[in-house]
Amino acid sequence: NRPIISADVEGHILLLIPHTGKIVRQWNSQTPIIHLCWLDSVFVLTLSQNPYCLELWNSSTGIRVWRRDVQAEEPLMSMSLDPFDSNRLSIFSTTGQIWTANITADQAPDLSTSIRLQKGPNKLDCLQIVYSPHVRDIFYVLTKRELIVFDAPTLLPIGGCVLTDRSKPNFFQDISGERSRGENSDIT
């Protein structure tokens, strides 16, 4: 039973037991946390704002292992570990700026360079970016009106694009579902 990790915009981080809700450990990062994820069974990554930074925490002790500042031009939105390569981390901004790096508990990654995802001449107004849990080297970019499929190694849009009718409500979240009968079943 893996513990659940939770954080808030005041920087509080809680480690909880799922079936009891008991808090096992808590600590404060001193920065507003906008996203977090497990690196492995011990280490937790947090993405913070003011200033934008990526931090690695030891969940057994609540001690920060390392910190790396992220030079972002726009607000950061989220981060994601590639489900097929757990050492590949990507950090995303709200306008499609992306940082990709190999990550380990031993050393902070180099986040000095970034690339801007584009579809045509315009910046993307991203709501969410998530790796496909079913297909290697694919991630989805969700905007208010589109779901765009990107190739991770080239960072170029590929294949189809799902558009919504302007008379319909906007997209707001992509939830990647379980495989059913050998097929992909990603739901938006």
N, C-alpha and C. Protein backbone atom coordinates (compact mmCIF):
# COMPACT_ATOMS: atom_id res chain seq x y z
N ASN A 1 0.83 -1.19 0.00
CA ASN A 1 0.00 0.00 0.00
C ASN A 1 0.87 1.25 0.00
N ARG A 2 1.00 1.89 -1.14
CA ARG A 2 1.81 3.09 -1.26
C ARG A 2 1.09 4.26 -0.59
N PRO A 3 1.83 5.07 0.19
CA PRO A 3 1.22 6.25 0.80
C PRO A 3 0.79 7.26 -0.27
N ILE A 4 -0.13 8.12 0.10
CA ILE A 4 -0.58 9.20 -0.76
C ILE A 4 0.19 10.45 -0.33
N ILE A 5 0.64 11.23 -1.32
CA ILE A 5 1.33 12.47 -1.02
C ILE A 5 0.42 13.61 -1.46
N SER A 6 0.32 14.63 -0.63
CA SER A 6 -0.55 15.76 -0.92
C SER A 6 0.19 17.04 -0.57
N ALA A 7 -0.14 18.13 -1.29
CA ALA A 7 0.50 19.42 -1.00
C ALA A 7 -0.50 20.54 -1.28
N ASP A 8 -0.19 21.73 -0.77
CA ASP A 8 -1.08 22.87 -1.00
C ASP A 8 -0.28 24.10 -1.42
N VAL A 9 -1.00 25.18 -1.71
CA VAL A 9 -0.35 26.40 -2.21
C VAL A 9 0.43 27.14 -1.12
N GLU A 10 0.31 26.71 0.12
CA GLU A 10 1.12 27.30 1.19
C GLU A 10 2.41 26.53 1.41
N GLY A 11 2.62 25.43 0.65
CA GLY A 11 3.86 24.67 0.74
C GLY A 11 3.84 23.50 1.70
N HIS A 12 2.69 23.23 2.33
CA HIS A 12 2.59 22.08 3.23
C HIS A 12 2.53 20.79 2.42
N ILE A 13 3.32 19.81 2.83
CA ILE A 13 3.35 18.51 2.17
C ILE A 13 2.97 17.45 3.21
N LEU A 14 2.00 16.61 2.86
CA LEU A 14 1.53 15.57 3.77
C LEU A 14 1.70 14.20 3.14
N LEU A 15 2.16 13.25 3.92
CA LEU A 15 2.26 11.84 3.51
C LEU A 15 1.20 11.09 4.32
N LEU A 16 0.23 10.47 3.63
CA LEU A 16 -0.90 9.83 4.30
C LEU A 16 -1.01 8.36 3.94
N ILE A 17 -1.57 7.57 4.84
CA ILE A 17 -1.90 6.16 4.58
C ILE A 17 -3.29 6.14 3.95
N PRO A 18 -3.46 5.54 2.76
CA PRO A 18 -4.73 5.64 2.04
C PRO A 18 -5.95 5.09 2.79
N HIS A 19 -5.86 3.92 3.36
CA HIS A 19 -7.06 3.31 3.94
C HIS A 19 -7.44 3.87 5.31
N THR A 20 -6.53 4.59 5.97
CA THR A 20 -6.85 5.16 7.29
C THR A 20 -6.90 6.68 7.27
N GLY A 21 -6.23 7.31 6.30
CA GLY A 21 -6.15 8.76 6.26
C GLY A 21 -5.18 9.33 7.28
N LYS A 22 -4.45 8.45 7.96
CA LYS A 22 -3.50 8.88 8.99
C LYS A 22 -2.31 9.59 8.34
N ILE A 23 -1.95 10.74 8.91
CA ILE A 23 -0.78 11.49 8.43
C ILE A 23 0.47 10.85 9.03
N VAL A 24 1.34 10.35 8.16
CA VAL A 24 2.58 9.70 8.58
C VAL A 24 3.70 10.71 8.76
N ARG A 25 3.75 11.69 7.86
CA ARG A 25 4.81 12.70 7.92
C ARG A 25 4.26 13.97 7.28
N GLN A 26 4.72 15.09 7.79
CA GLN A 26 4.39 16.37 7.18
C GLN A 26 5.57 17.31 7.29
N TRP A 27 5.72 18.16 6.28
CA TRP A 27 6.79 19.16 6.29
C TRP A 27 6.36 20.32 5.42
N ASN A 28 7.15 21.39 5.42
CA ASN A 28 6.80 22.58 4.66
C ASN A 28 7.93 22.95 3.72
N SER A 29 7.60 23.16 2.45
CA SER A 29 8.61 23.51 1.45
C SER A 29 8.92 25.00 1.45
N GLN A 30 8.11 25.82 2.11
CA GLN A 30 8.26 27.27 2.16
C GLN A 30 7.95 27.96 0.83
N THR A 31 7.46 27.22 -0.19
CA THR A 31 7.07 27.81 -1.46
C THR A 31 5.74 27.21 -1.89
N PRO A 32 4.89 27.98 -2.59
CA PRO A 32 3.60 27.47 -3.06
C PRO A 32 3.78 26.34 -4.08
N ILE A 33 3.22 25.18 -3.81
CA ILE A 33 3.38 24.01 -4.68
C ILE A 33 2.23 23.96 -5.69
N ILE A 34 2.60 23.83 -6.96
CA ILE A 34 1.58 23.75 -8.01
C ILE A 34 1.42 22.35 -8.56
N HIS A 35 2.40 21.47 -8.32
CA HIS A 35 2.30 20.09 -8.80
C HIS A 35 3.31 19.23 -8.04
N LEU A 36 2.96 17.96 -7.85
CA LEU A 36 3.91 17.03 -7.24
C LEU A 36 3.68 15.64 -7.78
N CYS A 37 4.72 14.79 -7.71
CA CYS A 37 4.60 13.40 -8.14
C CYS A 37 5.71 12.58 -7.49
N TRP A 38 5.48 11.28 -7.42
CA TRP A 38 6.48 10.36 -6.90
C TRP A 38 7.54 10.13 -7.97
N LEU A 39 8.82 10.21 -7.61
CA LEU A 39 9.90 9.80 -8.50
C LEU A 39 10.08 8.30 -8.40
N ASP A 40 10.04 7.79 -7.19
CA ASP A 40 10.07 6.35 -6.92
C ASP A 40 9.36 6.14 -5.59
N SER A 41 9.61 5.05 -4.90
CA SER A 41 8.88 4.77 -3.67
C SER A 41 9.33 5.62 -2.48
N VAL A 42 10.44 6.35 -2.60
CA VAL A 42 10.95 7.16 -1.49
C VAL A 42 10.93 8.65 -1.82
N PHE A 43 11.27 9.02 -3.04
CA PHE A 43 11.49 10.42 -3.39
C PHE A 43 10.27 11.05 -4.06
N VAL A 44 10.00 12.30 -3.69
CA VAL A 44 8.87 13.07 -4.20
C VAL A 44 9.39 14.33 -4.88
N LEU A 45 8.89 14.60 -6.09
CA LEU A 45 9.22 15.83 -6.80
C LEU A 45 8.13 16.85 -6.56
N THR A 46 8.50 18.12 -6.29
CA THR A 46 7.53 19.20 -6.20
C THR A 46 7.91 20.29 -7.18
N LEU A 47 6.90 20.88 -7.81
CA LEU A 47 7.07 22.01 -8.70
C LEU A 47 6.41 23.19 -8.01
N SER A 48 7.17 24.27 -7.79
CA SER A 48 6.68 25.40 -7.01
C SER A 48 6.74 26.68 -7.82
N GLN A 49 6.01 27.69 -7.33
CA GLN A 49 6.05 29.01 -7.95
C GLN A 49 6.54 30.03 -6.93
N ASN A 50 6.97 31.17 -7.43
CA ASN A 50 7.47 32.29 -6.61
C ASN A 50 8.62 31.91 -5.70
N PRO A 51 9.77 31.57 -6.16
CA PRO A 51 10.18 31.45 -7.56
C PRO A 51 9.82 30.07 -8.11
N TYR A 52 9.86 29.95 -9.45
CA TYR A 52 9.61 28.65 -10.06
C TYR A 52 10.80 27.75 -9.78
N CYS A 53 10.54 26.60 -9.19
CA CYS A 53 11.63 25.67 -8.90
C CYS A 53 11.12 24.24 -8.82
N LEU A 54 12.02 23.32 -9.08
CA LEU A 54 11.77 21.89 -8.97
C LEU A 54 12.59 21.41 -7.78
N GLU A 55 11.94 20.68 -6.87
CA GLU A 55 12.64 20.19 -5.69
C GLU A 55 12.41 18.69 -5.55
N LEU A 56 13.41 18.00 -5.03
CA LEU A 56 13.30 16.58 -4.72
C LEU A 56 13.36 16.42 -3.21
N TRP A 57 12.38 15.70 -2.66
CA TRP A 57 12.27 15.49 -1.22
C TRP A 57 12.36 14.01 -0.89
N ASN A 58 13.00 13.70 0.22
CA ASN A 58 13.01 12.34 0.75
C ASN A 58 11.76 12.23 1.62
N SER A 59 10.80 11.38 1.23
CA SER A 59 9.54 11.29 1.96
C SER A 59 9.69 10.59 3.30
N SER A 60 10.78 9.85 3.49
CA SER A 60 11.02 9.18 4.78
C SER A 60 11.46 10.15 5.86
N THR A 61 12.15 11.23 5.43
CA THR A 61 12.69 12.18 6.41
C THR A 61 12.08 13.57 6.30
N GLY A 62 11.48 13.90 5.15
CA GLY A 62 10.97 15.25 4.93
C GLY A 62 12.08 16.24 4.63
N ILE A 63 13.25 15.75 4.25
CA ILE A 63 14.41 16.61 3.97
C ILE A 63 14.56 16.78 2.45
N ARG A 64 14.80 18.04 2.05
CA ARG A 64 15.03 18.32 0.64
C ARG A 64 16.39 17.78 0.23
N VAL A 65 16.42 17.03 -0.89
CA VAL A 65 17.65 16.45 -1.41
C VAL A 65 18.35 17.45 -2.34
N TRP A 66 17.60 18.07 -3.23
CA TRP A 66 18.14 19.10 -4.11
C TRP A 66 17.04 20.02 -4.60
N ARG A 67 17.46 21.15 -5.16
CA ARG A 67 16.55 22.15 -5.71
C ARG A 67 17.14 22.69 -7.00
N ARG A 68 16.29 22.91 -8.00
CA ARG A 68 16.74 23.49 -9.27
C ARG A 68 15.72 24.56 -9.69
N ASP A 69 16.22 25.79 -9.91
CA ASP A 69 15.35 26.86 -10.40
C ASP A 69 14.98 26.62 -11.85
N VAL A 70 13.77 27.05 -12.24
CA VAL A 70 13.30 26.93 -13.62
C VAL A 70 13.10 28.35 -14.15
N GLN A 71 13.83 28.70 -15.20
CA GLN A 71 13.72 30.03 -15.81
C GLN A 71 12.54 30.03 -16.77
N ALA A 72 11.37 30.41 -16.26
CA ALA A 72 10.14 30.37 -17.06
C ALA A 72 9.71 31.77 -17.44
N GLU A 73 9.23 31.92 -18.69
CA GLU A 73 8.71 33.19 -19.17
C GLU A 73 7.22 33.33 -18.85
N GLU A 74 6.53 32.21 -18.71
CA GLU A 74 5.10 32.19 -18.42
C GLU A 74 4.85 31.31 -17.20
N PRO A 75 3.64 31.36 -16.64
CA PRO A 75 3.35 30.51 -15.48
C PRO A 75 3.52 29.03 -15.80
N LEU A 76 4.13 28.30 -14.87
CA LEU A 76 4.26 26.85 -15.01
C LEU A 76 2.92 26.21 -14.67
N MET A 77 2.66 25.05 -15.28
CA MET A 77 1.38 24.40 -15.13
C MET A 77 1.50 23.05 -14.44
N SER A 78 2.42 22.23 -14.94
CA SER A 78 2.51 20.88 -14.40
C SER A 78 3.83 20.24 -14.80
N MET A 79 4.02 19.05 -14.29
CA MET A 79 5.17 18.23 -14.69
C MET A 79 4.66 16.81 -14.85
N SER A 80 5.43 16.01 -15.57
CA SER A 80 5.01 14.64 -15.81
C SER A 80 6.23 13.76 -16.04
N LEU A 81 6.18 12.57 -15.45
CA LEU A 81 7.20 11.56 -15.73
C LEU A 81 6.68 10.67 -16.84
N ASP A 82 7.53 10.36 -17.78
CA ASP A 82 7.16 9.48 -18.89
C ASP A 82 6.87 8.09 -18.34
N PRO A 83 5.69 7.52 -18.58
CA PRO A 83 5.37 6.20 -18.04
C PRO A 83 6.23 5.07 -18.61
N PHE A 84 6.89 5.33 -19.75
CA PHE A 84 7.74 4.31 -20.36
C PHE A 84 9.22 4.53 -20.04
N ASP A 85 9.57 5.68 -19.49
CA ASP A 85 10.94 6.00 -19.10
C ASP A 85 10.85 6.86 -17.85
N SER A 86 10.87 6.23 -16.68
CA SER A 86 10.61 6.94 -15.43
C SER A 86 11.69 7.95 -15.07
N ASN A 87 12.79 8.02 -15.82
CA ASN A 87 13.81 9.04 -15.59
C ASN A 87 13.61 10.27 -16.46
N ARG A 88 12.64 10.24 -17.39
CA ARG A 88 12.40 11.39 -18.27
C ARG A 88 11.29 12.25 -17.66
N LEU A 89 11.66 13.44 -17.24
CA LEU A 89 10.73 14.39 -16.65
C LEU A 89 10.49 15.52 -17.63
N SER A 90 9.24 15.95 -17.74
CA SER A 90 8.91 17.13 -18.53
C SER A 90 8.13 18.10 -17.66
N ILE A 91 8.47 19.38 -17.79
CA ILE A 91 7.78 20.46 -17.08
C ILE A 91 7.15 21.34 -18.15
N PHE A 92 5.90 21.75 -17.92
CA PHE A 92 5.13 22.46 -18.93
C PHE A 92 4.63 23.80 -18.40
N SER A 93 4.64 24.82 -19.28
CA SER A 93 4.04 26.11 -18.93
C SER A 93 2.65 26.20 -19.57
N THR A 94 1.92 27.23 -19.22
CA THR A 94 0.56 27.40 -19.74
C THR A 94 0.52 27.75 -21.22
N THR A 95 1.65 28.18 -21.79
CA THR A 95 1.67 28.54 -23.21
C THR A 95 2.49 27.57 -24.05
N GLY A 96 2.76 26.38 -23.52
CA GLY A 96 3.43 25.35 -24.31
C GLY A 96 4.94 25.35 -24.23
N GLN A 97 5.53 26.09 -23.31
CA GLN A 97 6.97 26.00 -23.11
C GLN A 97 7.24 24.71 -22.35
N ILE A 98 8.23 23.94 -22.80
CA ILE A 98 8.49 22.63 -22.19
C ILE A 98 9.98 22.47 -21.91
N TRP A 99 10.27 21.94 -20.74
CA TRP A 99 11.62 21.56 -20.34
C TRP A 99 11.60 20.05 -20.19
N THR A 100 12.58 19.36 -20.77
CA THR A 100 12.68 17.92 -20.63
C THR A 100 14.08 17.58 -20.16
N ALA A 101 14.16 16.69 -19.17
CA ALA A 101 15.47 16.32 -18.62
C ALA A 101 15.42 14.92 -18.04
N ASN A 102 16.57 14.27 -18.02
CA ASN A 102 16.68 13.02 -17.28
C ASN A 102 16.86 13.37 -15.82
N ILE A 103 16.23 12.60 -14.96
CA ILE A 103 16.21 12.96 -13.55
C ILE A 103 16.57 11.75 -12.70
N THR A 104 17.37 12.00 -11.67
CA THR A 104 17.73 10.97 -10.70
C THR A 104 17.73 11.60 -9.32
N ALA A 105 17.73 10.76 -8.31
CA ALA A 105 17.78 11.26 -6.94
C ALA A 105 19.17 11.78 -6.60
N ASP A 106 20.18 11.38 -7.37
CA ASP A 106 21.57 11.75 -7.06
C ASP A 106 21.95 13.18 -7.43
N GLN A 107 21.31 13.71 -8.49
CA GLN A 107 21.76 15.00 -9.01
C GLN A 107 20.59 15.77 -9.60
N ALA A 108 20.54 17.08 -9.34
CA ALA A 108 19.50 17.93 -9.91
C ALA A 108 19.68 18.00 -11.42
N PRO A 109 18.57 17.99 -12.18
CA PRO A 109 18.68 17.99 -13.64
C PRO A 109 19.04 19.36 -14.19
N ASP A 110 19.54 19.37 -15.41
CA ASP A 110 19.82 20.62 -16.11
C ASP A 110 18.52 21.09 -16.76
N LEU A 111 17.98 22.20 -16.30
CA LEU A 111 16.74 22.76 -16.85
C LEU A 111 16.99 24.11 -17.48
N SER A 112 18.18 24.29 -18.04
CA SER A 112 18.57 25.59 -18.57
C SER A 112 17.96 25.89 -19.94
N THR A 113 17.55 24.88 -20.69
CA THR A 113 16.98 25.13 -22.01
C THR A 113 15.55 24.59 -22.10
N SER A 114 14.78 25.28 -22.90
CA SER A 114 13.39 24.86 -23.12
C SER A 114 13.04 25.02 -24.58
N ILE A 115 11.94 24.42 -24.96
CA ILE A 115 11.41 24.50 -26.32
C ILE A 115 9.96 24.92 -26.20
N ARG A 116 9.46 25.65 -27.18
CA ARG A 116 8.06 26.02 -27.18
C ARG A 116 7.30 25.15 -28.17
N LEU A 117 6.28 24.47 -27.67
CA LEU A 117 5.41 23.69 -28.53
C LEU A 117 4.52 24.64 -29.31
N GLN A 118 4.37 24.39 -30.60
CA GLN A 118 3.52 25.24 -31.41
C GLN A 118 2.71 24.39 -32.36
N LYS A 119 1.56 24.91 -32.70
CA LYS A 119 0.74 24.32 -33.76
C LYS A 119 0.48 25.47 -34.71
N GLY A 120 1.22 25.51 -35.80
CA GLY A 120 1.16 26.65 -36.69
C GLY A 120 1.97 27.80 -36.09
N PRO A 121 1.62 29.04 -36.41
CA PRO A 121 2.41 30.18 -35.96
C PRO A 121 2.10 30.65 -34.54
N ASN A 122 1.07 30.12 -33.93
CA ASN A 122 0.63 30.65 -32.63
C ASN A 122 1.11 29.83 -31.45
N LYS A 123 1.24 30.53 -30.29
CA LYS A 123 1.50 29.84 -29.03
C LYS A 123 0.27 29.05 -28.66
N LEU A 124 0.47 27.98 -27.90
CA LEU A 124 -0.66 27.21 -27.40
C LEU A 124 -1.11 27.76 -26.05
N ASP A 125 -2.41 27.78 -25.83
CA ASP A 125 -2.96 28.16 -24.53
C ASP A 125 -3.34 26.85 -23.84
N CYS A 126 -2.39 26.26 -23.13
CA CYS A 126 -2.53 24.91 -22.61
C CYS A 126 -3.32 24.86 -21.31
N LEU A 127 -4.20 23.89 -21.22
CA LEU A 127 -4.88 23.58 -19.97
C LEU A 127 -4.19 22.42 -19.27
N GLN A 128 -3.71 21.47 -20.08
CA GLN A 128 -3.10 20.27 -19.52
C GLN A 128 -2.22 19.62 -20.58
N ILE A 129 -1.12 19.05 -20.13
CA ILE A 129 -0.26 18.25 -20.99
C ILE A 129 0.03 16.97 -20.24
N VAL A 130 -0.19 15.82 -20.90
CA VAL A 130 -0.03 14.54 -20.22
C VAL A 130 0.54 13.51 -21.20
N TYR A 131 1.47 12.69 -20.71
CA TYR A 131 2.00 11.59 -21.51
C TYR A 131 0.92 10.52 -21.68
N SER A 132 0.91 9.86 -22.82
CA SER A 132 0.00 8.74 -23.03
C SER A 132 0.46 7.56 -22.18
N PRO A 133 -0.45 6.97 -21.42
CA PRO A 133 -0.08 5.79 -20.64
C PRO A 133 -0.05 4.52 -21.49
N HIS A 134 -0.45 4.64 -22.76
CA HIS A 134 -0.58 3.46 -23.62
C HIS A 134 0.40 3.40 -24.78
N VAL A 135 0.87 4.56 -25.26
CA VAL A 135 1.72 4.60 -26.44
C VAL A 135 3.02 5.33 -26.10
N ARG A 136 4.13 4.67 -26.35
CA ARG A 136 5.46 5.25 -26.06
C ARG A 136 5.68 6.53 -26.88
N ASP A 137 6.33 7.53 -26.26
CA ASP A 137 6.75 8.77 -26.91
C ASP A 137 5.60 9.64 -27.44
N ILE A 138 4.44 9.53 -26.83
CA ILE A 138 3.29 10.35 -27.23
C ILE A 138 2.79 11.12 -26.01
N PHE A 139 2.49 12.41 -26.21
CA PHE A 139 1.78 13.14 -25.16
C PHE A 139 0.70 13.99 -25.80
N TYR A 140 -0.29 14.32 -24.97
CA TYR A 140 -1.45 15.09 -25.41
C TYR A 140 -1.36 16.50 -24.84
N VAL A 141 -1.71 17.48 -25.66
CA VAL A 141 -1.83 18.86 -25.23
C VAL A 141 -3.31 19.22 -25.35
N LEU A 142 -3.88 19.62 -24.23
CA LEU A 142 -5.29 19.99 -24.19
C LEU A 142 -5.40 21.51 -24.08
N THR A 143 -6.10 22.12 -25.05
CA THR A 143 -6.43 23.54 -25.00
C THR A 143 -7.95 23.63 -24.79
N LYS A 144 -8.49 24.82 -24.75
CA LYS A 144 -9.93 24.95 -24.55
C LYS A 144 -10.74 24.31 -25.66
N ARG A 145 -10.23 24.31 -26.88
CA ARG A 145 -10.98 23.82 -28.03
C ARG A 145 -10.36 22.63 -28.75
N GLU A 146 -9.13 22.23 -28.36
CA GLU A 146 -8.45 21.17 -29.09
C GLU A 146 -7.75 20.18 -28.17
N LEU A 147 -7.63 18.97 -28.65
CA LEU A 147 -6.75 17.96 -28.06
C LEU A 147 -5.77 17.60 -29.16
N ILE A 148 -4.49 17.94 -28.95
CA ILE A 148 -3.47 17.77 -29.98
C ILE A 148 -2.51 16.67 -29.53
N VAL A 149 -2.15 15.78 -30.45
CA VAL A 149 -1.24 14.68 -30.16
C VAL A 149 0.17 15.10 -30.61
N PHE A 150 1.16 14.97 -29.70
CA PHE A 150 2.54 15.34 -30.01
C PHE A 150 3.46 14.13 -29.90
N ASP A 151 4.51 14.13 -30.72
CA ASP A 151 5.59 13.16 -30.66
C ASP A 151 6.63 13.69 -29.68
N ALA A 152 6.91 12.95 -28.60
CA ALA A 152 7.81 13.44 -27.56
C ALA A 152 9.25 13.67 -28.04
N PRO A 153 9.86 12.75 -28.82
CA PRO A 153 11.25 12.99 -29.23
C PRO A 153 11.43 14.23 -30.12
N THR A 154 10.47 14.52 -31.02
CA THR A 154 10.62 15.66 -31.92
C THR A 154 9.87 16.90 -31.45
N LEU A 155 8.94 16.73 -30.49
CA LEU A 155 8.09 17.80 -29.98
C LEU A 155 7.26 18.45 -31.09
N LEU A 156 6.86 17.64 -32.07
CA LEU A 156 6.03 18.12 -33.18
C LEU A 156 4.65 17.48 -33.11
N PRO A 157 3.60 18.22 -33.53
CA PRO A 157 2.27 17.62 -33.57
C PRO A 157 2.22 16.53 -34.63
N ILE A 158 1.52 15.45 -34.32
CA ILE A 158 1.39 14.35 -35.27
C ILE A 158 -0.08 13.95 -35.37
N GLY A 159 -0.40 13.26 -36.44
CA GLY A 159 -1.73 12.68 -36.56
C GLY A 159 -2.84 13.68 -36.40
N GLY A 160 -3.91 13.19 -35.82
CA GLY A 160 -5.14 13.96 -35.74
C GLY A 160 -5.18 14.95 -34.60
N CYS A 161 -6.18 15.76 -34.67
CA CYS A 161 -6.45 16.78 -33.68
C CYS A 161 -7.95 16.76 -33.44
N VAL A 162 -8.37 16.74 -32.20
CA VAL A 162 -9.80 16.74 -31.88
C VAL A 162 -10.22 18.19 -31.62
N LEU A 163 -11.18 18.68 -32.39
CA LEU A 163 -11.69 20.03 -32.23
C LEU A 163 -13.09 19.99 -31.67
N THR A 164 -13.46 20.97 -30.87
CA THR A 164 -14.83 21.06 -30.40
C THR A 164 -15.57 22.11 -31.20
N ASP A 165 -16.85 21.92 -31.33
CA ASP A 165 -17.73 22.88 -31.97
C ASP A 165 -17.82 24.11 -31.05
N ARG A 166 -17.76 25.29 -31.61
CA ARG A 166 -17.80 26.53 -30.80
C ARG A 166 -19.08 26.65 -30.00
N SER A 167 -20.13 25.97 -30.39
CA SER A 167 -21.39 26.04 -29.65
C SER A 167 -21.40 25.08 -28.45
N LYS A 168 -20.38 24.23 -28.34
CA LYS A 168 -20.27 23.27 -27.24
C LYS A 168 -19.39 23.82 -26.13
N PRO A 169 -19.50 23.25 -24.93
CA PRO A 169 -18.62 23.71 -23.83
C PRO A 169 -17.15 23.43 -24.13
N ASN A 170 -16.27 24.23 -23.52
CA ASN A 170 -14.83 24.05 -23.67
C ASN A 170 -14.37 22.77 -22.96
N PHE A 171 -13.23 22.22 -23.42
CA PHE A 171 -12.56 21.16 -22.68
C PHE A 171 -12.05 21.75 -21.38
N PHE A 172 -11.87 20.92 -20.35
CA PHE A 172 -11.24 21.41 -19.14
C PHE A 172 -10.25 20.43 -18.56
N GLN A 173 -10.32 19.11 -18.91
CA GLN A 173 -9.37 18.15 -18.38
C GLN A 173 -9.37 16.90 -19.24
N ASP A 174 -8.19 16.29 -19.36
CA ASP A 174 -8.04 15.01 -20.05
C ASP A 174 -7.80 13.95 -18.99
N ILE A 175 -8.57 12.88 -19.05
CA ILE A 175 -8.39 11.77 -18.11
C ILE A 175 -8.07 10.54 -18.94
N SER A 176 -6.86 10.03 -18.81
CA SER A 176 -6.46 8.84 -19.56
C SER A 176 -6.99 7.61 -18.84
N GLY A 177 -7.77 6.82 -19.56
CA GLY A 177 -8.43 5.67 -18.95
C GLY A 177 -7.66 4.38 -19.08
N GLU A 178 -8.23 3.34 -18.55
CA GLU A 178 -7.66 1.99 -18.64
C GLU A 178 -7.84 1.45 -20.04
N ARG A 179 -6.97 0.54 -20.42
CA ARG A 179 -7.15 -0.15 -21.69
C ARG A 179 -8.35 -1.08 -21.60
N SER A 180 -9.12 -1.12 -22.65
CA SER A 180 -10.24 -2.06 -22.67
C SER A 180 -10.17 -2.89 -23.95
N ARG A 181 -10.16 -4.18 -23.79
CA ARG A 181 -10.09 -5.12 -24.90
C ARG A 181 -8.96 -4.81 -25.88
N GLY A 182 -7.78 -4.46 -25.32
CA GLY A 182 -6.61 -4.26 -26.16
C GLY A 182 -6.56 -2.95 -26.91
N GLU A 183 -7.52 -2.04 -26.66
CA GLU A 183 -7.55 -0.77 -27.35
C GLU A 183 -7.27 0.37 -26.39
N ASN A 184 -6.86 1.50 -26.94
CA ASN A 184 -6.69 2.69 -26.11
C ASN A 184 -8.05 3.25 -25.77
N SER A 185 -8.22 3.74 -24.56
CA SER A 185 -9.49 4.34 -24.19
C SER A 185 -9.23 5.61 -23.41
N ASP A 186 -8.57 6.57 -24.06
CA ASP A 186 -8.31 7.84 -23.42
C ASP A 186 -9.57 8.70 -23.57
N ILE A 187 -9.99 9.32 -22.48
CA ILE A 187 -11.24 10.05 -22.44
C ILE A 187 -10.95 11.51 -22.19
N THR A 188 -11.66 12.39 -22.88
CA THR A 188 -11.53 13.82 -22.64
C THR A 188 -12.88 14.37 -22.25
